[in-house]
Protein backbone atom coordinates (compact mmCIF):
# COMPACT_ATOMS: atom_id res chain seq x y z
CA UNK A 1 0.00 0.00 0.00
CA UNK A 2 1.38 3.38 -0.93
CA UNK A 3 2.22 5.64 1.96
CA UNK A 4 1.47 9.32 2.10
CA UNK A 5 2.74 11.87 4.57
CA UNK A 6 -0.28 13.46 6.21
CA UNK A 7 -0.42 16.93 7.63
CA UNK A 8 -0.57 16.68 11.38
CA UNK A 9 -3.10 19.49 11.58
CA UNK A 10 -5.41 21.28 9.19
CA UNK A 11 -7.97 24.01 9.65
CA UNK A 12 -9.92 23.68 6.44
CA UNK A 13 -11.80 26.55 4.83
CA UNK A 14 -15.33 27.93 4.72
CA UNK A 15 -17.10 30.15 2.21
CA UNK A 16 -20.62 31.37 1.50
CA UNK A 17 -22.57 29.99 -1.44
CA UNK A 18 -25.98 30.82 -2.85
CA UNK A 19 -28.02 33.89 -3.68
CA UNK A 20 -31.43 33.88 -2.06
CA UNK A 21 -30.41 31.36 0.59
CA UNK A 22 -26.79 31.76 1.72
CA UNK A 23 -25.15 28.65 3.15
CA UNK A 24 -21.71 28.05 4.63
CA UNK A 25 -19.74 25.40 2.75
CA UNK A 26 -16.74 23.77 4.40
CA UNK A 27 -13.82 22.08 2.68
CA UNK A 28 -11.00 19.98 4.07
CA UNK A 29 -8.96 16.95 3.09
CA UNK A 30 -9.18 13.37 4.27
CA UNK A 31 -7.11 10.26 3.65
CA UNK A 32 -9.11 7.29 2.37
CA UNK A 33 -8.32 3.77 1.23
CA UNK A 34 -9.59 3.24 -2.30
CA UNK A 35 -11.13 0.08 -3.71
CA UNK A 36 -7.67 -0.81 -5.07
CA UNK A 37 -6.26 -0.76 -1.54
CA UNK A 38 -4.12 2.35 -2.10
CA UNK A 39 -4.14 5.40 0.14
CA UNK A 40 -5.62 8.53 -1.42
CA UNK A 41 -6.15 12.08 -0.28
CA UNK A 42 -9.54 13.48 -1.23
CA UNK A 43 -11.18 16.84 -0.75
CA UNK A 44 -14.20 16.73 1.48
CA UNK A 45 -16.97 19.28 0.95
CA UNK A 46 -19.99 19.68 3.21
CA UNK A 47 -22.69 22.28 3.93
CA UNK A 48 -22.38 23.38 7.57
CA UNK A 49 -25.58 25.41 7.72
CA UNK A 50 -27.21 28.62 6.61
CA UNK A 51 -26.05 32.18 7.20
CA UNK A 52 -28.87 32.38 9.72
CA UNK A 53 -27.46 29.37 11.60
CA UNK A 54 -23.95 30.85 11.65
CA UNK A 55 -24.15 34.67 11.25
CA UNK A 56 -20.35 35.13 11.15
CA UNK A 57 -17.46 33.33 9.48
CA UNK A 58 -15.88 32.84 12.89
CA UNK A 59 -18.88 30.81 14.06
CA UNK A 60 -18.81 28.77 10.85
CA UNK A 61 -15.10 28.03 11.38
CA UNK A 62 -15.85 26.89 14.91
CA UNK A 63 -18.39 24.40 13.53
CA UNK A 64 -15.84 23.26 10.94
CA UNK A 65 -13.28 22.71 13.68
CA UNK A 66 -15.60 20.13 15.27
CA UNK A 67 -16.01 18.35 11.91
CA UNK A 68 -12.26 18.24 11.24
CA UNK A 69 -11.31 17.25 14.80
CA UNK A 70 -11.35 13.47 14.07
CA UNK A 71 -8.97 13.97 11.12
CA UNK A 72 -6.57 15.94 13.32
CA UNK A 73 -6.39 13.30 16.03
CA UNK A 74 -2.95 11.67 16.41
CA UNK A 75 -4.53 8.21 16.16
CA UNK A 76 -6.45 9.05 12.98
CA UNK A 77 -6.39 6.27 10.39
CA UNK A 78 -7.58 6.40 6.81
CA UNK A 79 -10.97 4.82 6.22
CA UNK A 80 -12.10 2.58 3.39
CA UNK A 81 -13.87 4.56 0.69
CA UNK A 82 -16.77 2.24 -0.05
CA UNK A 83 -20.50 2.67 -0.37
CA UNK A 84 -23.03 1.18 2.01
CA UNK A 85 -24.15 -1.16 -0.77
CA UNK A 86 -20.60 -2.52 -1.20
CA UNK A 87 -20.13 -2.92 2.53
CA UNK A 88 -23.52 -4.64 2.85
CA UNK A 89 -22.45 -7.20 0.26
CA UNK A 90 -19.24 -7.89 2.18
CA UNK A 91 -21.05 -8.00 5.52
CA UNK A 92 -23.67 -10.47 4.31
CA UNK A 93 -21.00 -12.80 2.98
CA UNK A 94 -18.60 -12.68 5.92
CA UNK A 95 -20.63 -11.76 9.00
CA UNK A 96 -24.34 -12.40 8.48
CA UNK A 97 -23.55 -15.87 7.16
CA UNK A 98 -22.45 -16.84 10.68
CA UNK A 99 -25.95 -16.31 12.06
CA UNK A 100 -28.86 -18.74 12.08
CA UNK A 101 -30.81 -19.21 8.81
CA UNK A 102 -33.91 -17.56 10.27
CA UNK A 103 -31.89 -14.45 11.23
CA UNK A 104 -30.20 -14.36 7.82
CA UNK A 105 -33.54 -14.52 6.02
CA UNK A 106 -35.08 -11.65 8.01
CA UNK A 107 -32.06 -9.34 7.70
CA UNK A 108 -31.51 -10.05 4.00
CA UNK A 109 -35.11 -8.98 3.42
CA UNK A 110 -34.50 -5.75 5.38
CA UNK A 111 -31.37 -5.00 3.37
CA UNK A 112 -32.97 -5.76 0.01
CA UNK A 113 -36.21 -3.85 0.52
CA UNK A 114 -35.29 -0.91 2.76
CA UNK A 115 -31.69 -0.37 3.85
CA UNK A 116 -29.78 -0.73 0.57
CA UNK A 117 -32.33 1.27 -1.50
CA UNK A 118 -31.94 4.18 0.94
CA UNK A 119 -28.33 4.03 2.19
CA UNK A 120 -26.78 2.18 -0.76
CA UNK A 121 -25.31 5.16 -2.70
CA UNK A 122 -23.82 6.81 0.43
CA UNK A 123 -20.16 6.31 1.31
CA UNK A 124 -19.98 4.61 4.70
CA UNK A 125 -17.92 7.45 6.17
CA UNK A 126 -20.51 9.99 5.00
CA UNK A 127 -23.53 8.42 6.71
CA UNK A 128 -24.19 10.72 9.64
CA UNK A 129 -26.95 11.30 12.20
CA UNK A 130 -28.95 13.46 9.80
CA UNK A 131 -28.98 10.75 7.13
CA UNK A 132 -30.14 8.05 9.53
CA UNK A 133 -32.76 10.31 11.10
CA UNK A 134 -34.08 11.10 7.61
CA UNK A 135 -34.47 7.38 6.98
CA UNK A 136 -36.47 7.02 10.21
CA UNK A 137 -38.61 10.03 9.33
CA UNK A 138 -39.53 8.57 5.95
CA UNK A 139 -40.04 5.01 7.13
CA UNK A 140 -43.63 3.98 6.43
CA UNK A 141 -43.46 0.74 8.40
CA UNK A 142 -44.71 0.07 11.94
CA UNK A 143 -42.66 1.43 14.89
CA UNK A 144 -41.49 -2.10 15.74
CA UNK A 145 -40.33 -2.76 12.16
CA UNK A 146 -38.55 0.60 11.99
CA UNK A 147 -36.74 -0.18 15.24
CA UNK A 148 -35.72 -3.55 13.79
CA UNK A 149 -34.08 -1.73 10.85
CA UNK A 150 -32.05 0.40 13.26
CA UNK A 151 -31.06 -2.70 15.24
CA UNK A 152 -29.72 -4.22 12.01
CA UNK A 153 -27.80 -1.02 11.23
CA UNK A 154 -26.22 -1.19 14.69
CA UNK A 155 -25.08 -4.76 14.01
CA UNK A 156 -23.57 -3.67 10.72
CA UNK A 157 -21.96 -0.55 12.17
CA UNK A 158 -20.19 -2.56 14.85
CA UNK A 159 -18.54 -4.64 12.13
CA UNK A 160 -17.80 -1.55 10.01
CA UNK A 161 -16.02 0.14 12.91
CA UNK A 162 -13.92 -2.93 13.65
CA UNK A 163 -13.04 -3.41 9.97
CA UNK A 164 -11.93 0.17 9.25
CA UNK A 165 -14.86 1.42 7.21
CA UNK A 166 -15.92 4.04 9.78
CA UNK A 167 -14.66 5.72 12.93
CA UNK A 168 -17.85 7.51 13.92
CA UNK A 169 -21.24 6.35 15.17
CA UNK A 170 -24.30 8.02 13.60
CA UNK A 171 -26.73 5.81 15.53
CA UNK A 172 -26.47 7.61 18.87
CA UNK A 173 -29.32 9.78 20.22
CA UNK A 174 -31.69 8.96 17.37
CA UNK A 175 -35.37 9.77 17.86
CA UNK A 176 -37.20 6.52 17.17
CA UNK A 177 -40.95 6.05 16.69
CA UNK A 178 -42.82 5.34 19.88
CA UNK A 179 -43.37 1.69 20.61
CA UNK A 180 -46.91 0.44 20.15
CA UNK A 181 -47.13 -2.94 21.79
CA UNK A 182 -49.96 -4.93 20.18
CA UNK A 183 -52.14 -7.04 22.40
CA UNK A 184 -50.98 -10.62 21.91
CA UNK A 185 -53.65 -13.08 20.84
CA UNK A 186 -54.15 -15.99 23.23
CA UNK A 187 -56.45 -18.90 23.91
CA UNK A 188 -58.14 -19.02 27.29
CA UNK A 189 -57.72 -22.18 29.36
CA UNK A 190 -61.28 -23.18 28.48
CA UNK A 191 -60.64 -22.69 24.74
CA UNK A 192 -57.36 -24.60 24.88
CA UNK A 193 -59.05 -27.49 26.70
CA UNK A 194 -61.85 -27.58 24.14
CA UNK A 195 -59.36 -27.60 21.23
CA UNK A 196 -57.25 -30.36 22.82
CA UNK A 197 -60.28 -32.54 23.47
CA UNK A 198 -61.56 -32.12 19.90
CA UNK A 199 -58.18 -32.78 18.24
CA UNK A 200 -56.84 -36.23 17.39
CA UNK A 201 -53.47 -37.94 17.03
CA UNK A 202 -50.43 -35.77 16.43
CA UNK A 203 -52.44 -32.54 16.58
CA UNK A 204 -53.85 -33.39 20.00
CA UNK A 205 -50.29 -34.07 21.13
CA UNK A 206 -49.08 -30.79 19.62
CA UNK A 207 -51.76 -28.61 21.18
CA UNK A 208 -51.52 -30.25 24.61
CA UNK A 209 -47.74 -29.80 24.68
CA UNK A 210 -48.12 -26.20 23.47
CA UNK A 211 -50.65 -25.23 26.14
CA UNK A 212 -48.94 -27.00 29.06
CA UNK A 213 -45.28 -26.26 28.32
CA UNK A 214 -45.54 -22.93 26.51
CA UNK A 215 -42.94 -24.02 23.95
CA UNK A 216 -42.33 -21.74 20.97
CA UNK A 217 -43.89 -22.99 17.70
CA UNK A 218 -40.47 -23.83 16.24
CA UNK A 219 -39.51 -25.68 19.43
CA UNK A 220 -42.70 -27.73 19.27
CA UNK A 221 -42.07 -28.68 15.65
CA UNK A 222 -38.48 -29.61 16.48
CA UNK A 223 -39.23 -31.64 19.63
CA UNK A 224 -37.76 -35.15 19.40
CA UNK A 225 -38.85 -38.36 21.09
CA UNK A 226 -35.44 -38.41 22.80
CA UNK A 227 -36.23 -35.00 24.35
CA UNK A 228 -39.08 -36.55 26.38
CA UNK A 229 -38.31 -38.42 29.62
CA UNK A 230 -41.50 -40.23 30.61
CA UNK A 231 -39.89 -41.68 33.73
CA UNK A 232 -38.97 -38.24 35.10
CA UNK A 233 -42.02 -36.66 33.43
CA UNK A 234 -40.01 -33.91 31.77
CA UNK A 235 -39.46 -32.32 28.36
CA UNK A 236 -36.18 -30.76 27.14
CA UNK A 237 -35.63 -28.19 24.40
CA UNK A 238 -32.47 -28.74 22.37
CA UNK A 239 -33.42 -27.68 18.84
CA UNK A 240 -35.95 -25.75 16.80
CA UNK A 241 -37.40 -25.93 13.30
CA UNK A 242 -37.48 -23.05 10.84
CA UNK A 243 -38.61 -23.31 7.23
CA UNK A 244 -38.49 -27.10 7.38
CA UNK A 245 -34.91 -27.23 8.71
CA UNK A 246 -33.61 -27.84 12.22
CA UNK A 247 -31.52 -25.17 13.92
CA UNK A 248 -30.40 -24.20 17.41
CA UNK A 249 -32.97 -22.67 19.80
CA UNK A 250 -33.58 -18.93 19.84
CA UNK A 251 -31.13 -18.12 22.66
CA UNK A 252 -29.07 -19.68 25.44
CA UNK A 253 -32.06 -19.40 27.77
CA UNK A 254 -34.13 -21.40 25.27
CA UNK A 255 -32.10 -24.52 26.13
CA UNK A 256 -34.18 -25.80 29.04
CA UNK A 257 -35.96 -28.70 30.70
CA UNK A 258 -39.36 -28.57 32.38
CA UNK A 259 -41.72 -30.89 34.17
CA UNK A 260 -44.94 -32.11 32.56
CA UNK A 261 -48.09 -33.30 34.28
CA UNK A 262 -48.86 -36.95 34.99
CA UNK A 263 -51.86 -36.66 32.67
CA UNK A 264 -49.73 -35.44 29.74
CA UNK A 265 -47.01 -38.03 30.43
CA UNK A 266 -49.61 -40.82 30.41
CA UNK A 267 -51.03 -39.59 27.12
CA UNK A 268 -47.58 -39.25 25.54
CA UNK A 269 -46.67 -42.80 26.55
CA UNK A 270 -49.70 -44.08 24.67
CA UNK A 271 -49.18 -41.78 21.67
CA UNK A 272 -45.47 -42.54 21.22
CA UNK A 273 -46.12 -46.29 21.42
CA UNK A 274 -48.27 -46.14 18.28
CA UNK A 275 -46.81 -43.14 16.37
CA UNK A 276 -45.00 -43.94 13.12
CA UNK A 277 -41.23 -43.29 13.29
CA UNK A 278 -39.67 -40.57 11.11
CA UNK A 279 -36.08 -39.81 10.00
CA UNK A 280 -35.65 -36.90 12.43
CA UNK A 281 -37.05 -38.78 15.42
CA UNK A 282 -39.63 -35.99 15.84
CA UNK A 283 -42.59 -36.28 18.19
CA UNK A 284 -44.84 -34.71 15.56
CA UNK A 285 -44.10 -34.85 11.82
CA UNK A 286 -45.92 -34.64 8.51
CA UNK A 287 -47.35 -37.68 6.79
CA UNK A 288 -44.10 -37.81 4.78
CA UNK A 289 -42.01 -37.80 7.96
CA UNK A 290 -40.78 -34.22 7.54
CA UNK A 291 -40.95 -31.38 10.12
CA UNK A 292 -44.22 -29.51 10.26
CA UNK A 293 -44.35 -25.72 10.07
CA UNK A 294 -46.53 -23.40 12.21
CA UNK A 295 -48.30 -21.95 9.16
CA UNK A 296 -48.94 -25.45 7.80
CA UNK A 297 -50.44 -26.53 11.14
CA UNK A 298 -52.62 -23.42 11.23
CA UNK A 299 -53.84 -23.86 7.67
CA UNK A 300 -54.53 -27.59 7.65
CA UNK A 301 -55.82 -28.24 11.16
CA UNK A 302 -55.92 -25.52 13.81
CA UNK A 303 -57.95 -22.95 11.89
CA UNK A 304 -60.58 -25.41 10.57
CA UNK A 305 -60.87 -26.97 14.04
CA UNK A 306 -61.38 -23.59 15.74
CA UNK A 307 -64.03 -22.59 13.20
CA UNK A 308 -65.83 -25.86 13.81
CA UNK A 309 -65.78 -25.25 17.58
CA UNK A 310 -66.89 -21.63 17.26
CA UNK A 311 -63.56 -20.31 18.59
CA UNK A 312 -61.78 -17.40 16.92
CA UNK A 313 -58.75 -18.95 15.16
CA UNK A 314 -55.37 -17.79 16.46
CA UNK A 315 -51.85 -18.85 15.59
CA UNK A 316 -50.03 -21.71 17.30
CA UNK A 317 -48.14 -19.16 19.39
CA UNK A 318 -51.42 -18.25 21.13
CA UNK A 319 -51.03 -21.44 23.19
CA UNK A 320 -47.74 -20.03 24.53
CA UNK A 321 -49.58 -16.93 25.75
CA UNK A 322 -52.23 -19.21 27.22
CA UNK A 323 -49.60 -21.16 29.16
CA UNK A 324 -48.01 -18.01 30.62
CA UNK A 325 -51.41 -16.66 31.65
CA UNK A 326 -52.46 -19.93 33.32
CA UNK A 327 -49.22 -20.02 35.31
CA UNK A 328 -49.81 -16.46 36.47
CA UNK A 329 -53.37 -17.30 37.57
CA UNK A 330 -52.06 -20.34 39.43
CA UNK A 331 -49.56 -18.20 41.34
CA UNK A 332 -46.47 -19.89 39.85
CA UNK A 333 -43.33 -17.95 40.92
CA UNK A 334 -41.98 -15.54 38.31
CA UNK A 335 -38.59 -17.26 38.11
CA UNK A 336 -40.25 -20.60 37.32
CA UNK A 337 -42.42 -18.99 34.65
CA UNK A 338 -39.39 -17.33 33.05
CA UNK A 339 -37.46 -20.60 32.99
CA UNK A 340 -40.34 -22.57 31.49
CA UNK A 341 -40.90 -19.89 28.84
CA UNK A 342 -37.20 -19.76 28.00
CA UNK A 343 -36.81 -16.08 28.91
CA UNK A 344 -33.75 -14.47 30.49
CA UNK A 345 -33.73 -14.11 34.30
CA UNK A 346 -35.35 -10.81 35.25
CA UNK A 347 -36.85 -10.33 31.78
CA UNK A 348 -40.07 -8.31 31.71
CA UNK A 349 -41.26 -10.03 28.52
CA UNK A 350 -42.93 -12.82 30.49
CA UNK A 351 -45.16 -10.40 32.39
CA UNK A 352 -45.67 -7.65 29.82
CA UNK A 353 -46.06 -9.57 26.58
CA UNK A 354 -47.18 -13.10 27.42
CA UNK A 355 -49.30 -12.76 30.57
CA UNK A 356 -52.85 -11.51 30.04
CA UNK A 357 -55.32 -10.22 32.64
CA UNK A 358 -58.66 -11.93 32.14
CA UNK A 359 -62.08 -10.56 33.03
CA UNK A 360 -62.31 -12.84 36.06
CA UNK A 361 -58.95 -11.59 37.35
CA UNK A 362 -60.12 -7.99 37.08
CA UNK A 363 -63.41 -8.83 38.81
CA UNK A 364 -61.60 -10.64 41.63
CA UNK A 365 -59.31 -7.65 42.10
CA UNK A 366 -62.33 -5.33 42.36
CA UNK A 367 -63.98 -7.67 44.89
CA UNK A 368 -60.81 -7.73 46.99
CA UNK A 369 -60.54 -3.92 46.95
CA UNK A 370 -64.20 -3.60 47.88
CA UNK A 371 -63.85 -5.98 50.82
CA UNK A 372 -60.85 -4.05 52.13
CA UNK A 373 -62.39 -0.60 51.73
CA UNK A 374 -66.08 -1.27 52.57
CA UNK A 375 -65.53 -1.03 56.31
CA UNK A 376 -64.23 2.53 56.11
CA UNK A 377 -66.75 3.87 53.56
CA UNK A 378 -70.02 2.35 54.81
CA UNK A 379 -69.84 3.89 58.29
């Protein structure tokens, strides 16, 4: 790589441009590493603000000083002069490929449909707070989806900083859209019981396991016969299924074991004794012996069954919400609930997202308050 002696300090220059709307334009020089790997010195030009923002040249120079400060640092190193699109291609190949297939699929979709179309032409070193905030402002997706985009950018930026593409962080102090937490759909205990009783064979097994253990849909589809210990009456989670393929569970906390009831263990003993074996050793599989998918289960069995029973159809994950709510009603300790759900210790997700207050709970609370306060108000 060619070497170039760099000035230890530079002030840059500012000048006014425009007629009706005067703006201060700043110019300075930066060292960059070109696509050929050679060091180059380029002239950087940027609008600092309007004449109204900086009434005097002295104030404009003060703003320029802050912009040039990183270049004047003794530890300054030249950055790679590549666009976001080029970096995204590199990052997908060398970093994203190390993640689980489900994560890769979701992030590739984000990059293809939103991030690359917007940030693609920008040089990585030129993406600043204003650019990112403009992306957020124009994002037409839900607040949760928009926040997911920023989370992906943060993942990418961490790699970019380590690899020499950037030295700054434009993702600090962003104003993100306010979270709107949707009310999770769930089956009540009565609905779950009715569905389980009406189902047959593998679907009865699936729904009973879902409601009692609160396993994630992918964990249910990936549950193996070897993961069930009928003697100890327990179930272990060691893998998951996504898009017909097995993968590791969602997180470290997702690796877990939990007790099952005597009733479920007795049923499973009978079911497993007659169930046809399959190549993956799965508890529940398709007629061809392949892993089932949540959407397939919903389409072919759960939705038609719910309609037949007069119950509003909800996704397989609704049983997970049902399980968390039943444990809360039964007074199960929070730590036990978190462990059974596969959540991190101290996580608020168990209470906020998965546990639902039912009408009876609200009525009981009102009755308790009334009993405590009646003595003081009726006198």
